[in-house]
Amino acid sequence: SSPTNSSTISRTATATFGFRALGTDGTSRVWFAGSSLNNGDGNGREPCRLEDPTTYPRFINPMPTSGHDHADFQAVADNGICAGQYQYGGTAPNGGSRNALKWDGGPSCLALNTLMGSPSSSYEAVAKAISRDSMVVGGSSHYPGGGGLFQPVIWKNTTTPTAIPFLP
């Protein structure tokens, strides 16, 4: 069944949407995932998901604790589960840093940790891909000793990332 915990935008809304991912269950269910471009805190981006092209986008709320706009879904699985990024800490619209998130159909998005630990306004992580069954999320994270550089990671049915080794 379709997750029902997201809010529906009215047909008269003036928000602009950008979609970055497409998922389908292989039958009649299709999901587009992305963000509004002007609907979040401070008039920034807010993650949204659209089920089939004849409906209006649903904003997925709320953000993880201490999260705010400049949030996007970057990927959607075949079951409609989404992954992406949000701004953690600071003040909307542009304070804080990017951190990874996953929406699993529950009442709110889940914060995904960085290789440095829990989400913070000092270290960043971004989720860019999700497996068809939504059990594995792929992306990148700041890593110990890397300064501002990123390392590929996966979150395998957990909020704790596993580093993917760099190529020799």
Protein backbone atom coordinates (compact mmCIF):
# COMPACT_ATOMS: atom_id res chain seq x y z
CA SER A 1 0.00 0.00 0.00
CA SER A 2 1.05 3.59 -0.52
CA PRO A 3 2.58 5.49 2.42
CA THR A 4 0.04 8.07 3.62
CA ASN A 5 1.93 10.24 6.09
CA SER A 6 2.93 13.04 3.75
CA SER A 7 1.04 16.28 3.28
CA THR A 8 -0.51 17.12 -0.07
CA ILE A 9 0.11 20.46 -1.72
CA SER A 10 -3.01 22.19 -3.04
CA ARG A 11 -3.56 22.65 -6.76
CA THR A 12 -3.28 26.43 -6.30
CA ALA A 13 0.21 26.39 -4.77
CA THR A 14 2.92 28.43 -6.43
CA ALA A 15 5.92 26.28 -5.49
CA THR A 16 8.28 25.14 -8.24
CA PHE A 17 9.40 21.51 -8.32
CA GLY A 18 12.57 19.83 -9.51
CA PHE A 19 12.58 16.04 -9.78
CA ARG A 20 15.82 14.05 -9.72
CA ALA A 21 14.79 10.40 -9.51
CA LEU A 22 12.24 7.92 -10.78
CA GLY A 23 11.15 4.64 -9.19
CA THR A 24 8.49 2.09 -10.12
CA ASP A 25 7.21 -1.20 -8.77
CA GLY A 26 7.08 -2.55 -12.35
CA THR A 27 3.29 -2.44 -12.57
CA SER A 28 1.23 0.72 -12.30
CA ARG A 29 3.00 2.51 -9.42
CA VAL A 30 5.50 5.24 -10.33
CA TRP A 31 7.30 7.68 -8.01
CA PHE A 32 9.19 10.85 -8.86
CA ALA A 33 11.42 12.29 -6.12
CA GLY A 34 13.11 15.68 -5.79
CA SER A 35 12.33 18.96 -4.07
CA SER A 36 10.34 22.13 -4.19
CA LEU A 37 12.52 25.07 -5.12
CA ASN A 38 10.81 27.68 -2.96
CA ASN A 39 8.64 26.09 -0.30
CA GLY A 40 10.88 25.19 2.67
CA ASP A 41 12.03 27.15 5.71
CA GLY A 42 13.44 30.49 4.62
CA ASN A 43 11.90 29.92 1.16
CA GLY A 44 14.46 27.19 0.42
CA ARG A 45 14.09 23.66 -0.97
CA GLU A 46 11.95 21.00 0.71
CA PRO A 47 11.97 17.29 -0.22
CA CYS A 48 8.92 16.02 -2.05
CA ARG A 49 7.68 12.87 -3.72
CA LEU A 50 5.13 12.54 -6.49
CA GLU A 51 3.23 9.32 -7.08
CA ASP A 52 2.27 9.06 -10.77
CA PRO A 53 2.39 12.10 -13.05
CA THR A 54 -1.28 13.06 -12.57
CA THR A 55 -1.03 14.03 -8.89
CA TYR A 56 0.55 16.98 -7.17
CA PRO A 57 3.76 16.56 -5.14
CA ARG A 58 3.60 15.65 -1.47
CA PHE A 59 6.06 17.29 0.86
CA ILE A 60 7.63 14.80 3.26
CA ASN A 61 7.67 16.23 6.77
CA PRO A 62 9.16 16.61 9.21
CA MET A 63 12.89 16.84 8.72
CA PRO A 64 15.19 15.01 11.14
CA THR A 65 15.85 16.82 14.44
CA SER A 66 17.67 20.16 13.86
CA GLY A 67 17.07 19.85 10.12
CA HIS A 68 15.73 22.51 7.80
CA ASP A 69 15.47 23.48 4.16
CA HIS A 70 17.90 23.07 1.31
CA ALA A 71 16.68 19.50 1.43
CA ASP A 72 16.23 17.22 -1.57
CA PHE A 73 15.38 13.64 -2.38
CA GLN A 74 18.09 12.39 -4.75
CA ALA A 75 16.89 8.79 -5.15
CA VAL A 76 13.72 6.69 -4.92
CA ALA A 77 13.39 2.90 -4.62
CA ASP A 78 10.87 0.66 -6.35
CA ASN A 79 8.71 0.77 -3.20
CA GLY A 80 8.60 4.60 -3.02
CA ILE A 81 11.17 4.96 -0.20
CA CYS A 82 13.41 8.01 -0.77
CA ALA A 83 16.93 9.14 0.17
CA GLY A 84 18.71 12.47 -0.14
CA GLN A 85 20.08 15.36 1.87
CA TYR A 86 19.00 18.11 4.26
CA GLN A 87 20.60 21.06 6.03
CA TYR A 88 21.53 20.28 9.64
CA GLY A 89 21.92 22.96 12.31
CA GLY A 90 22.30 26.65 11.76
CA THR A 91 19.41 28.89 10.79
CA ALA A 92 17.30 28.64 7.64
CA PRO A 93 17.73 29.34 4.83
CA ASN A 94 21.48 28.74 4.54
CA GLY A 95 23.04 27.89 7.91
CA GLY A 96 24.40 24.49 8.89
CA SER A 97 25.80 21.72 6.68
CA ARG A 98 24.49 18.98 4.37
CA ASN A 99 23.63 15.65 5.92
CA ALA A 100 22.10 12.49 4.47
CA LEU A 101 18.53 11.38 5.11
CA LYS A 102 16.15 8.54 4.29
CA TRP A 103 12.36 8.57 4.29
CA ASP A 104 11.11 5.03 4.96
CA GLY A 105 7.39 5.73 4.90
CA GLY A 106 7.27 6.64 8.59
CA PRO A 107 6.17 9.89 10.20
CA SER A 108 9.51 11.65 9.58
CA CYS A 109 12.77 11.41 7.69
CA LEU A 110 15.65 9.52 9.31
CA ALA A 111 19.02 11.22 9.71
CA LEU A 112 21.89 9.10 8.36
CA ASN A 113 25.21 9.45 10.18
CA THR A 114 28.51 10.54 8.64
CA LEU A 115 31.76 8.57 8.93
CA MET A 116 32.60 11.11 11.65
CA GLY A 117 29.50 10.19 13.71
CA SER A 118 26.07 11.73 14.19
CA PRO A 119 24.91 14.59 11.96
CA SER A 120 26.62 17.87 12.78
CA SER A 121 27.10 21.32 11.36
CA SER A 122 30.84 20.56 10.93
CA TYR A 123 30.81 17.32 8.91
CA GLU A 124 28.71 16.42 5.89
CA ALA A 125 27.23 13.39 4.17
CA VAL A 126 24.91 13.08 1.17
CA ALA A 127 22.75 10.16 0.00
CA LYS A 128 22.64 9.96 -3.82
CA ALA A 129 21.36 6.44 -4.58
CA ILE A 130 19.10 3.76 -3.12
CA SER A 131 18.74 0.09 -4.00
CA ARG A 132 15.56 -1.11 -5.68
CA ASP A 133 14.39 -2.73 -2.41
CA SER A 134 15.43 0.37 -0.36
CA MET A 135 17.67 -1.65 1.97
CA VAL A 136 20.95 0.01 0.85
CA VAL A 137 21.57 3.73 0.44
CA GLY A 138 24.71 4.98 -1.34
CA GLY A 139 26.43 8.33 -1.10
CA SER A 140 29.47 10.06 0.32
CA SER A 141 30.67 11.41 3.65
CA HIS A 142 33.46 13.47 5.14
CA TYR A 143 35.94 11.01 6.65
CA PRO A 144 38.50 11.07 9.48
CA GLY A 145 41.69 12.77 8.29
CA GLY A 146 40.10 13.86 5.01
CA GLY A 147 39.49 17.50 5.83
CA GLY A 148 36.71 18.64 3.49
CA LEU A 149 37.07 15.65 1.16
CA PHE A 150 34.42 12.95 0.75
CA GLN A 151 34.62 9.15 0.72
CA PRO A 152 32.04 6.83 -0.87
CA VAL A 153 29.78 5.10 1.67
CA ILE A 154 26.76 2.85 1.96
CA TRP A 155 24.14 2.71 4.67
CA LYS A 156 22.98 -0.91 4.65
CA ASN A 157 19.60 -0.97 6.44
CA THR A 158 21.11 1.19 9.21
CA THR A 159 21.87 4.84 9.98
CA THR A 160 25.60 4.04 10.38
CA PRO A 161 27.63 4.25 7.15
CA THR A 162 30.20 1.77 5.92
CA ALA A 163 33.14 3.29 4.01
CA ILE A 164 33.84 2.04 0.50
CA PRO A 165 37.64 1.83 0.14
CA PHE A 166 39.32 4.22 -2.26
CA LEU A 167 40.80 2.63 -5.38
CA PRO A 168 44.56 2.05 -5.13
